[in-house]
Amino acid sequence: MDVADKIAQELDDLHADETSPGMAAVALDLARGIDATDVPGVKAKAAHELRSIMADLRRLAPVEAKGDTVDDIAEQRKKRRAAAREQASGS
């Protein structure tokens, strides 16, 4: 897998085409440029710019709504409170 493929996958994961399509296109173009050359200086400059753009895209990416430990704890607390209320009203 070359750099362009890896960057394309990350851009997809970040939903970069939705949040910043222009920056996503530049990132992909830079990645393709890295793959297309063997000149170390050109690769280094393109990699530097690509790293900067990808950092910006990561900051702009929407936050995933996946459950995490905090969400699990909140859900458990909610269930315990509902059970306590039910027990209190049943007494």
PDB file of N, CA and C in Angstrom:
ATOM      1  N   MET A   1       0.853  -1.181   0.000  1.00  0.00           N
ATOM      2  CA  MET A   1       0.000   0.000   0.000  1.00  0.00           C
ATOM      3  C   MET A   1       0.895   1.239   0.000  1.00  0.00           C
ATOM      4  N   ASP A   2       0.631   2.143  -0.910  1.00  0.00           N
ATOM      5  CA  ASP A   2       1.462   3.337  -0.988  1.00  0.00           C
ATOM      6  C   ASP A   2       0.897   4.470  -0.135  1.00  0.00           C
ATOM      7  N   VAL A   3       1.626   5.570  -0.082  1.00  0.00           N
ATOM      8  CA  VAL A   3       1.240   6.710   0.750  1.00  0.00           C
ATOM      9  C   VAL A   3      -0.142   7.233   0.354  1.00  0.00           C
ATOM     10  N   ALA A   4      -0.398   7.351  -0.927  1.00  0.00           N
ATOM     11  CA  ALA A   4      -1.687   7.882  -1.388  1.00  0.00           C
ATOM     12  C   ALA A   4      -2.851   7.015  -0.913  1.00  0.00           C
ATOM     13  N   ASP A   5      -2.686   5.697  -0.940  1.00  0.00           N
ATOM     14  CA  ASP A   5      -3.752   4.808  -0.468  1.00  0.00           C
ATOM     15  C   ASP A   5      -4.006   4.999   1.026  1.00  0.00           C
ATOM     16  N   LYS A   6      -2.924   5.114   1.787  1.00  0.00           N
ATOM     17  CA  LYS A   6      -3.067   5.297   3.236  1.00  0.00           C
ATOM     18  C   LYS A   6      -3.704   6.638   3.574  1.00  0.00           C
ATOM     19  N   ILE A   7      -3.299   7.678   2.866  1.00  0.00           N
ATOM     20  CA  ILE A   7      -3.884   9.004   3.093  1.00  0.00           C
ATOM     21  C   ILE A   7      -5.351   9.013   2.676  1.00  0.00           C
ATOM     22  N   ALA A   8      -5.671   8.371   1.558  1.00  0.00           N
ATOM     23  CA  ALA A   8      -7.071   8.302   1.109  1.00  0.00           C
ATOM     24  C   ALA A   8      -7.930   7.622   2.167  1.00  0.00           C
ATOM     25  N   GLN A   9      -7.423   6.548   2.764  1.00  0.00           N
ATOM     26  CA  GLN A   9      -8.176   5.852   3.813  1.00  0.00           C
ATOM     27  C   GLN A   9      -8.377   6.752   5.034  1.00  0.00           C
ATOM     28  N   GLU A  10      -7.327   7.446   5.431  1.00  0.00           N
ATOM     29  CA  GLU A  10      -7.451   8.335   6.587  1.00  0.00           C
ATOM     30  C   GLU A  10      -8.401   9.493   6.295  1.00  0.00           C
ATOM     31  N   LEU A  11      -8.334  10.037   5.092  1.00  0.00           N
ATOM     32  CA  LEU A  11      -9.256  11.111   4.723  1.00  0.00           C
ATOM     33  C   LEU A  11     -10.701  10.630   4.788  1.00  0.00           C
ATOM     34  N   ASP A  12     -10.918   9.402   4.353  1.00  0.00           N
ATOM     35  CA  ASP A  12     -12.259   8.819   4.423  1.00  0.00           C
ATOM     36  C   ASP A  12     -12.694   8.663   5.882  1.00  0.00           C
ATOM     37  N   ASP A  13     -11.800   8.168   6.719  1.00  0.00           N
ATOM     38  CA  ASP A  13     -12.106   7.994   8.149  1.00  0.00           C
ATOM     39  C   ASP A  13     -12.418   9.325   8.823  1.00  0.00           C
ATOM     40  N   LEU A  14     -11.745  10.380   8.380  1.00  0.00           N
ATOM     41  CA  LEU A  14     -11.937  11.709   8.969  1.00  0.00           C
ATOM     42  C   LEU A  14     -13.125  12.466   8.375  1.00  0.00           C
ATOM     43  N   HIS A  15     -13.757  11.897   7.358  1.00  0.00           N
ATOM     44  CA  HIS A  15     -14.851  12.575   6.639  1.00  0.00           C
ATOM     45  C   HIS A  15     -14.379  13.922   6.109  1.00  0.00           C
ATOM     46  N   ALA A  16     -13.127  13.952   5.645  1.00  0.00           N
ATOM     47  CA  ALA A  16     -12.507  15.203   5.213  1.00  0.00           C
ATOM     48  C   ALA A  16     -13.188  15.808   3.995  1.00  0.00           C
ATOM     49  N   ASP A  17     -13.781  14.993   3.125  1.00  0.00           N
ATOM     50  CA  ASP A  17     -14.475  15.547   1.958  1.00  0.00           C
ATOM     51  C   ASP A  17     -15.702  16.356   2.367  1.00  0.00           C
ATOM     52  N   GLU A  18     -16.246  16.060   3.536  1.00  0.00           N
ATOM     53  CA  GLU A  18     -17.412  16.802   4.024  1.00  0.00           C
ATOM     54  C   GLU A  18     -16.993  18.073   4.754  1.00  0.00           C
ATOM     55  N   THR A  19     -15.926  17.993   5.541  1.00  0.00           N
ATOM     56  CA  THR A  19     -15.534  19.132   6.367  1.00  0.00           C
ATOM     57  C   THR A  19     -14.627  20.108   5.643  1.00  0.00           C
ATOM     58  N   SER A  20     -13.761  19.605   4.794  1.00  0.00           N
ATOM     59  CA  SER A  20     -12.818  20.475   4.097  1.00  0.00           C
ATOM     60  C   SER A  20     -12.350  19.819   2.794  1.00  0.00           C
ATOM     61  N   PRO A  21     -13.204  19.832   1.779  1.00  0.00           N
ATOM     62  CA  PRO A  21     -12.877  19.117   0.545  1.00  0.00           C
ATOM     63  C   PRO A  21     -11.629  19.632  -0.162  1.00  0.00           C
ATOM     64  N   GLY A  22     -11.367  20.914  -0.103  1.00  0.00           N
ATOM     65  CA  GLY A  22     -10.187  21.466  -0.754  1.00  0.00           C
ATOM     66  C   GLY A  22      -8.898  20.975  -0.109  1.00  0.00           C
ATOM     67  N   MET A  23      -8.857  21.028   1.213  1.00  0.00           N
ATOM     68  CA  MET A  23      -7.667  20.547   1.922  1.00  0.00           C
ATOM     69  C   MET A  23      -7.485  19.049   1.713  1.00  0.00           C
ATOM     70  N   ALA A  24      -8.578  18.314   1.661  1.00  0.00           N
ATOM     71  CA  ALA A  24      -8.497  16.872   1.428  1.00  0.00           C
ATOM     72  C   ALA A  24      -7.901  16.592   0.051  1.00  0.00           C
ATOM     73  N   ALA A  25      -8.308  17.362  -0.940  1.00  0.00           N
ATOM     74  CA  ALA A  25      -7.783  17.177  -2.294  1.00  0.00           C
ATOM     75  C   ALA A  25      -6.292  17.492  -2.353  1.00  0.00           C
ATOM     76  N   VAL A  26      -5.879  18.554  -1.674  1.00  0.00           N
ATOM     77  CA  VAL A  26      -4.453  18.901  -1.642  1.00  0.00           C
ATOM     78  C   VAL A  26      -3.655  17.812  -0.938  1.00  0.00           C
ATOM     79  N   ALA A  27      -4.180  17.282   0.162  1.00  0.00           N
ATOM     80  CA  ALA A  27      -3.490  16.215   0.884  1.00  0.00           C
ATOM     81  C   ALA A  27      -3.296  14.994  -0.007  1.00  0.00           C
ATOM     82  N   LEU A  28      -4.323  14.624  -0.718  1.00  0.00           N
ATOM     83  CA  LEU A  28      -4.231  13.465  -1.601  1.00  0.00           C
ATOM     84  C   LEU A  28      -3.246  13.729  -2.751  1.00  0.00           C
ATOM     85  N   ASP A  29      -3.255  14.944  -3.271  1.00  0.00           N
ATOM     86  CA  ASP A  29      -2.318  15.299  -4.337  1.00  0.00           C
ATOM     87  C   ASP A  29      -0.870  15.246  -3.839  1.00  0.00           C
ATOM     88  N   LEU A  30      -0.635  15.738  -2.632  1.00  0.00           N
ATOM     89  CA  LEU A  30       0.709  15.668  -2.051  1.00  0.00           C
ATOM     90  C   LEU A  30       1.142  14.219  -1.847  1.00  0.00           C
ATOM     91  N   ALA A  31       0.229  13.382  -1.372  1.00  0.00           N
ATOM     92  CA  ALA A  31       0.548  11.970  -1.160  1.00  0.00           C
ATOM     93  C   ALA A  31       0.898  11.291  -2.484  1.00  0.00           C
ATOM     94  N   ARG A  32       0.163  11.623  -3.515  1.00  0.00           N
ATOM     95  CA  ARG A  32       0.477  11.055  -4.837  1.00  0.00           C
ATOM     96  C   ARG A  32       1.838  11.548  -5.326  1.00  0.00           C
ATOM     97  N   GLY A  33       2.154  12.803  -5.027  1.00  0.00           N
ATOM     98  CA  GLY A  33       3.450  13.353  -5.399  1.00  0.00           C
ATOM     99  C   GLY A  33       4.593  12.641  -4.683  1.00  0.00           C
ATOM    100  N   ILE A  34       4.380  12.293  -3.430  1.00  0.00           N
ATOM    101  CA  ILE A  34       5.383  11.543  -2.668  1.00  0.00           C
ATOM    102  C   ILE A  34       5.613  10.185  -3.318  1.00  0.00           C
ATOM    103  N   ASP A  35       4.532   9.540  -3.706  1.00  0.00           N
ATOM    104  CA  ASP A  35       4.648   8.226  -4.345  1.00  0.00           C
ATOM    105  C   ASP A  35       5.318   8.308  -5.718  1.00  0.00           C
ATOM    106  N   ALA A  36       5.164   9.430  -6.411  1.00  0.00           N
ATOM    107  CA  ALA A  36       5.625   9.541  -7.796  1.00  0.00           C
ATOM    108  C   ALA A  36       7.084   9.943  -7.946  1.00  0.00           C
ATOM    109  N   THR A  37       7.736  10.337  -6.855  1.00  0.00           N
ATOM    110  CA  THR A  37       9.116  10.809  -6.990  1.00  0.00           C
ATOM    111  C   THR A  37      10.080   9.992  -6.139  1.00  0.00           C
ATOM    112  N   ASP A  38      11.327   9.996  -6.578  1.00  0.00           N
ATOM    113  CA  ASP A  38      12.400   9.374  -5.808  1.00  0.00           C
ATOM    114  C   ASP A  38      13.401  10.415  -5.318  1.00  0.00           C
ATOM    115  N   VAL A  39      13.100  11.690  -5.538  1.00  0.00           N
ATOM    116  CA  VAL A  39      14.000  12.774  -5.127  1.00  0.00           C
ATOM    117  C   VAL A  39      13.778  13.045  -3.639  1.00  0.00           C
ATOM    118  N   PRO A  40      14.778  12.776  -2.799  1.00  0.00           N
ATOM    119  CA  PRO A  40      14.605  12.913  -1.352  1.00  0.00           C
ATOM    120  C   PRO A  40      14.133  14.295  -0.904  1.00  0.00           C
ATOM    121  N   GLY A  41      14.678  15.355  -1.482  1.00  0.00           N
ATOM    122  CA  GLY A  41      14.269  16.704  -1.078  1.00  0.00           C
ATOM    123  C   GLY A  41      12.814  16.993  -1.397  1.00  0.00           C
ATOM    124  N   VAL A  42      12.369  16.533  -2.540  1.00  0.00           N
ATOM    125  CA  VAL A  42      10.968  16.728  -2.943  1.00  0.00           C
ATOM    126  C   VAL A  42      10.053  15.940  -2.008  1.00  0.00           C
ATOM    127  N   LYS A  43      10.431  14.698  -1.720  1.00  0.00           N
ATOM    128  CA  LYS A  43       9.628  13.879  -0.796  1.00  0.00           C
ATOM    129  C   LYS A  43       9.550  14.524   0.581  1.00  0.00           C
ATOM    130  N   ALA A  44      10.685  15.025   1.060  1.00  0.00           N
ATOM    131  CA  ALA A  44      10.720  15.633   2.395  1.00  0.00           C
ATOM    132  C   ALA A  44       9.818  16.865   2.469  1.00  0.00           C
ATOM    133  N   LYS A  45       9.892  17.727   1.463  1.00  0.00           N
ATOM    134  CA  LYS A  45       9.062  18.938   1.455  1.00  0.00           C
ATOM    135  C   LYS A  45       7.582  18.576   1.358  1.00  0.00           C
ATOM    136  N   ALA A  46       7.245  17.641   0.484  1.00  0.00           N
ATOM    137  CA  ALA A  46       5.846  17.218   0.345  1.00  0.00           C
ATOM    138  C   ALA A  46       5.353  16.563   1.633  1.00  0.00           C
ATOM    139  N   ALA A  47       6.195  15.749   2.261  1.00  0.00           N
ATOM    140  CA  ALA A  47       5.803  15.089   3.518  1.00  0.00           C
ATOM    141  C   ALA A  47       5.571  16.114   4.616  1.00  0.00           C
ATOM    142  N   HIS A  48       6.406  17.145   4.661  1.00  0.00           N
ATOM    143  CA  HIS A  48       6.237  18.209   5.663  1.00  0.00           C
ATOM    144  C   HIS A  48       4.899  18.917   5.478  1.00  0.00           C
ATOM    145  N   GLU A  49       4.596  19.269   4.252  1.00  0.00           N
ATOM    146  CA  GLU A  49       3.329  19.944   3.964  1.00  0.00           C
ATOM    147  C   GLU A  49       2.137  19.014   4.220  1.00  0.00           C
ATOM    148  N   LEU A  50       2.292  17.759   3.840  1.00  0.00           N
ATOM    149  CA  LEU A  50       1.215  16.786   4.049  1.00  0.00           C
ATOM    150  C   LEU A  50       0.931  16.608   5.539  1.00  0.00           C
ATOM    151  N   ARG A  51       1.984  16.535   6.335  1.00  0.00           N
ATOM    152  CA  ARG A  51       1.806  16.382   7.784  1.00  0.00           C
ATOM    153  C   ARG A  51       1.025  17.557   8.362  1.00  0.00           C
ATOM    154  N   SER A  52       1.356  18.753   7.907  1.00  0.00           N
ATOM    155  CA  SER A  52       0.669  19.955   8.380  1.00  0.00           C
ATOM    156  C   SER A  52      -0.818  19.946   8.001  1.00  0.00           C
ATOM    157  N   ILE A  53      -1.096  19.612   6.764  1.00  0.00           N
ATOM    158  CA  ILE A  53      -2.489  19.576   6.305  1.00  0.00           C
ATOM    159  C   ILE A  53      -3.276  18.488   7.039  1.00  0.00           C
ATOM    160  N   MET A  54      -2.669  17.329   7.213  1.00  0.00           N
ATOM    161  CA  MET A  54      -3.369  16.238   7.906  1.00  0.00           C
ATOM    162  C   MET A  54      -3.641  16.600   9.360  1.00  0.00           C
ATOM    163  N   ALA A  55      -2.735  17.313   9.999  1.00  0.00           N
ATOM    164  CA  ALA A  55      -2.972  17.759  11.382  1.00  0.00           C
ATOM    165  C   ALA A  55      -4.183  18.683  11.430  1.00  0.00           C
ATOM    166  N   ASP A  56      -4.274  19.598  10.465  1.00  0.00           N
ATOM    167  CA  ASP A  56      -5.437  20.494  10.407  1.00  0.00           C
ATOM    168  C   ASP A  56      -6.724  19.708  10.166  1.00  0.00           C
ATOM    169  N   LEU A  57      -6.672  18.751   9.257  1.00  0.00           N
ATOM    170  CA  LEU A  57      -7.862  17.957   8.958  1.00  0.00           C
ATOM    171  C   LEU A  57      -8.298  17.126  10.165  1.00  0.00           C
ATOM    172  N   ARG A  58      -7.346  16.619  10.921  1.00  0.00           N
ATOM    173  CA  ARG A  58      -7.707  15.861  12.135  1.00  0.00           C
ATOM    174  C   ARG A  58      -8.405  16.755  13.150  1.00  0.00           C
ATOM    175  N   ARG A  59      -7.955  18.000  13.257  1.00  0.00           N
ATOM    176  CA  ARG A  59      -8.605  18.933  14.195  1.00  0.00           C
ATOM    177  C   ARG A  59     -10.017  19.289  13.730  1.00  0.00           C
ATOM    178  N   LEU A  60     -10.232  19.324  12.417  1.00  0.00           N
ATOM    179  CA  LEU A  60     -11.537  19.690  11.868  1.00  0.00           C
ATOM    180  C   LEU A  60     -12.521  18.518  11.802  1.00  0.00           C
ATOM    181  N   ALA A  61     -12.022  17.321  11.995  1.00  0.00           N
ATOM    182  CA  ALA A  61     -12.859  16.123  11.845  1.00  0.00           C
ATOM    183  C   ALA A  61     -13.971  16.118  12.887  1.00  0.00           C
ATOM    184  N   PRO A  62     -15.162  15.671  12.494  1.00  0.00           N
ATOM    185  CA  PRO A  62     -16.259  15.574  13.459  1.00  0.00           C
ATOM    186  C   PRO A  62     -15.944  14.505  14.500  1.00  0.00           C
ATOM    187  N   VAL A  63     -16.405  14.751  15.701  1.00  0.00           N
ATOM    188  CA  VAL A  63     -16.189  13.809  16.790  1.00  0.00           C
ATOM    189  C   VAL A  63     -17.110  12.620  16.585  1.00  0.00           C
ATOM    190  N   GLU A  64     -16.533  11.439  16.646  1.00  0.00           N
ATOM    191  CA  GLU A  64     -17.327  10.224  16.497  1.00  0.00           C
ATOM    192  C   GLU A  64     -18.226  10.047  17.715  1.00  0.00           C
ATOM    193  N   ALA A  65     -19.411   9.545  17.484  1.00  0.00           N
ATOM    194  CA  ALA A  65     -20.389   9.347  18.554  1.00  0.00           C
ATOM    195  C   ALA A  65     -20.357   7.919  19.079  1.00  0.00           C
ATOM    196  N   LYS A  66     -19.183   7.324  19.076  1.00  0.00           N
ATOM    197  CA  LYS A  66     -19.056   5.966  19.586  1.00  0.00           C
ATOM    198  C   LYS A  66     -19.087   5.987  21.104  1.00  0.00           C
ATOM    199  N   GLY A  67     -19.675   4.963  21.686  1.00  0.00           N
ATOM    200  CA  GLY A  67     -19.705   4.865  23.133  1.00  0.00           C
ATOM    201  C   GLY A  67     -18.319   4.604  23.676  1.00  0.00           C
ATOM    202  N   ASP A  68     -18.024   5.214  24.807  1.00  0.00           N
ATOM    203  CA  ASP A  68     -16.756   4.969  25.459  1.00  0.00           C
ATOM    204  C   ASP A  68     -17.015   4.641  26.918  1.00  0.00           C
ATOM    205  N   THR A  69     -15.997   4.559  27.710  1.00  0.00           N
ATOM    206  CA  THR A  69     -16.139   4.192  29.112  1.00  0.00           C
ATOM    207  C   THR A  69     -17.018   5.182  29.860  1.00  0.00           C
ATOM    208  N   VAL A  70     -16.860   6.458  29.582  1.00  0.00           N
ATOM    209  CA  VAL A  70     -17.681   7.474  30.251  1.00  0.00           C
ATOM    210  C   VAL A  70     -19.153   7.273  29.919  1.00  0.00           C
ATOM    211  N   ASP A  71     -19.453   6.976  28.642  1.00  0.00           N
ATOM    212  CA  ASP A  71     -20.838   6.721  28.252  1.00  0.00           C
ATOM    213  C   ASP A  71     -21.385   5.474  28.948  1.00  0.00           C
ATOM    214  N   ASP A  72     -20.553   4.442  29.072  1.00  0.00           N
ATOM    215  CA  ASP A  72     -20.975   3.210  29.743  1.00  0.00           C
ATOM    216  C   ASP A  72     -21.293   3.477  31.210  1.00  0.00           C
ATOM    217  N   ILE A  73     -20.453   4.245  31.876  1.00  0.00           N
ATOM    218  CA  ILE A  73     -20.676   4.570  33.291  1.00  0.00           C
ATOM    219  C   ILE A  73     -21.946   5.391  33.446  1.00  0.00           C
ATOM    220  N   ALA A  74     -22.163   6.351  32.565  1.00  0.00           N
ATOM    221  CA  ALA A  74     -23.377   7.171  32.626  1.00  0.00           C
ATOM    222  C   ALA A  74     -24.618   6.318  32.440  1.00  0.00           C
ATOM    223  N   GLU A  75     -24.559   5.362  31.517  1.00  0.00           N
ATOM    224  CA  GLU A  75     -25.694   4.467  31.280  1.00  0.00           C
ATOM    225  C   GLU A  75     -25.970   3.596  32.504  1.00  0.00           C
ATOM    226  N   GLN A  76     -24.921   3.078  33.120  1.00  0.00           N
ATOM    227  CA  GLN A  76     -25.096   2.263  34.321  1.00  0.00           C
ATOM    228  C   GLN A  76     -25.685   3.093  35.458  1.00  0.00           C
ATOM    229  N   ARG A  77     -25.213   4.324  35.609  1.00  0.00           N
ATOM    230  CA  ARG A  77     -25.733   5.216  36.653  1.00  0.00           C
ATOM    231  C   ARG A  77     -27.216   5.490  36.414  1.00  0.00           C
ATOM    232  N   LYS A  78     -27.585   5.716  35.180  1.00  0.00           N
ATOM    233  CA  LYS A  78     -28.982   5.978  34.827  1.00  0.00           C
ATOM    234  C   LYS A  78     -29.858   4.788  35.207  1.00  0.00           C
ATOM    235  N   LYS A  79     -29.390   3.576  34.920  1.00  0.00           N
ATOM    236  CA  LYS A  79     -30.147   2.371  35.268  1.00  0.00           C
ATOM    237  C   LYS A  79     -30.272   2.211  36.780  1.00  0.00           C
ATOM    238  N   ARG A  80     -29.183   2.470  37.514  1.00  0.00           N
ATOM    239  CA  ARG A  80     -29.243   2.347  38.973  1.00  0.00           C
ATOM    240  C   ARG A  80     -30.205   3.359  39.584  1.00  0.00           C
ATOM    241  N   ARG A  81     -30.199   4.582  39.074  1.00  0.00           N
ATOM    242  CA  ARG A  81     -31.111   5.609  39.594  1.00  0.00           C
ATOM    243  C   ARG A  81     -32.563   5.240  39.297  1.00  0.00           C
ATOM    244  N   ALA A  82     -32.818   4.728  38.104  1.00  0.00           N
ATOM    245  CA  ALA A  82     -34.186   4.325  37.754  1.00  0.00           C
ATOM    246  C   ALA A  82     -34.632   3.178  38.663  1.00  0.00           C
ATOM    247  N   ALA A  83     -33.745   2.216  38.935  1.00  0.00           N
ATOM    248  CA  ALA A  83     -34.091   1.109  39.830  1.00  0.00           C
ATOM    249  C   ALA A  83     -34.328   1.611  41.247  1.00  0.00           C
ATOM    250  N   ALA A  84     -33.521   2.565  41.705  1.00  0.00           N
ATOM    251  CA  ALA A  84     -33.690   3.115  43.056  1.00  0.00           C
ATOM    252  C   ALA A  84     -35.020   3.866  43.154  1.00  0.00           C
ATOM    253  N   ARG A  85     -35.368   4.628  42.121  1.00  0.00           N
ATOM    254  CA  ARG A  85     -36.652   5.341  42.144  1.00  0.00           C
ATOM    255  C   ARG A  85     -37.821   4.363  42.173  1.00  0.00           C
ATOM    256  N   GLU A  86     -37.708   3.304  41.394  1.00  0.00           N
ATOM    257  CA  GLU A  86     -38.765   2.294  41.347  1.00  0.00           C
ATOM    258  C   GLU A  86     -38.910   1.613  42.701  1.00  0.00           C
ATOM    259  N   GLN A  87     -37.797   1.301  43.329  1.00  0.00           N
ATOM    260  CA  GLN A  87     -37.824   0.648  44.633  1.00  0.00           C
ATOM    261  C   GLN A  87     -38.387   1.600  45.687  1.00  0.00           C
ATOM    262  N   ALA A  88     -38.042   2.881  45.629  1.00  0.00           N
ATOM    263  CA  ALA A  88     -38.522   3.844  46.599  1.00  0.00           C
ATOM    264  C   ALA A  88     -40.025   4.080  46.450  1.00  0.00           C
ATOM    265  N   SER A  89     -40.512   4.098  45.244  1.00  0.00           N
ATOM    266  CA  SER A  89     -41.936   4.347  45.051  1.00  0.00           C
ATOM    267  C   SER A  89     -42.761   3.097  45.348  1.00  0.00           C
ATOM    268  N   GLY A  90     -42.139   1.925  45.289  1.00  0.00           N
ATOM    269  CA  GLY A  90     -42.831   0.674  45.583  1.00  0.00           C
ATOM    270  C   GLY A  90     -42.927   0.384  47.067  1.00  0.00           C
ATOM    271  N   SER A  91     -42.184   1.065  47.888  1.00  0.00           N
ATOM    272  CA  SER A  91     -42.170   0.803  49.336  1.00  0.00           C
ATOM    273  C   SER A  91     -43.278   1.467  50.050  1.00  0.00           C
TER     274      SER A  91
END
